[in-house]
Protein backbone atom coordinates (compact mmCIF):
# COMPACT_ATOMS: atom_id res chain seq x y z
CA UNK A 1 0.06 0.14 0.02
CA UNK A 2 1.65 3.52 -1.37
CA UNK A 3 1.78 6.21 1.12
CA UNK A 4 -0.38 9.20 -0.05
CA UNK A 5 0.45 13.16 0.64
CA UNK A 6 -1.87 13.01 3.08
CA UNK A 7 -0.47 10.15 5.24
CA UNK A 8 3.07 12.31 5.63
CA UNK A 9 1.82 14.68 8.25
CA UNK A 10 0.94 11.96 10.39
CA UNK A 11 4.43 10.27 9.94
CA UNK A 12 6.10 13.60 11.25
CA UNK A 13 3.80 13.98 14.00
CA UNK A 14 5.43 13.61 17.57
CA UNK A 15 2.39 11.07 18.51
CA UNK A 16 4.18 8.78 15.99
CA UNK A 17 7.54 9.34 17.88
CA UNK A 18 5.67 8.61 21.20
CA UNK A 19 4.62 5.07 19.75
CA UNK A 20 8.05 3.94 18.56
CA UNK A 21 9.54 5.33 21.67
CA UNK A 22 6.95 3.33 23.16
CA UNK A 23 7.47 0.20 21.19
CA UNK A 24 10.83 0.11 21.54
CA UNK A 25 10.63 0.50 25.26
CA UNK A 26 8.67 -2.28 26.20
CA UNK A 27 10.84 -4.29 23.78
CA UNK A 28 14.01 -3.73 25.63
CA UNK A 29 11.97 -3.80 28.88
CA UNK A 30 10.48 -7.46 27.72
CA UNK A 31 13.85 -8.71 26.48
CA UNK A 32 15.46 -7.88 30.03
CA UNK A 33 12.66 -9.56 31.69
CA UNK A 34 13.15 -12.35 29.30
CA UNK A 35 16.64 -12.52 30.05
CA UNK A 36 16.26 -12.39 33.95
CA UNK A 37 13.74 -14.82 33.69
CA UNK A 38 16.13 -17.34 31.77
CA UNK A 39 19.14 -16.69 34.16
CA UNK A 40 17.05 -17.34 37.32
CA UNK A 41 15.73 -20.86 36.12
CA UNK A 42 19.11 -21.45 34.55
CA UNK A 43 20.52 -20.82 38.25
CA UNK A 44 18.05 -22.92 40.16
CA UNK A 45 18.54 -25.90 37.93
CA UNK A 46 22.43 -25.42 38.42
CA UNK A 47 21.84 -25.18 42.39
CA UNK A 48 19.09 -28.23 42.49
CA UNK A 49 21.77 -30.57 40.51
CA UNK A 50 24.81 -29.39 43.10
CA UNK A 51 22.34 -29.88 46.26
CA UNK A 52 21.29 -33.16 44.75
CA UNK A 53 24.78 -34.05 43.93
CA UNK A 54 26.18 -33.19 47.42
CA UNK A 55 22.65 -35.32 48.74
CA UNK A 56 24.06 -38.28 46.68
CA UNK A 57 27.30 -38.45 47.74
CA UNK A 58 26.63 -38.31 51.42
CA UNK A 59 23.65 -40.68 51.58
CA UNK A 60 24.74 -43.03 49.08
């Protein structure tokens, strides 16, 4: 779909910039939350594996 001259003022408006700022900040926020969640799950899994290994060494 081609843009007409009537659509151009919308793309130059401050609201369009605010929308992009919102989209970028939301994307970055979700990416950071996803990485933190992944790191937490990895850390918990590793901690559980170490505790299980120590438990097996002591009790088996």
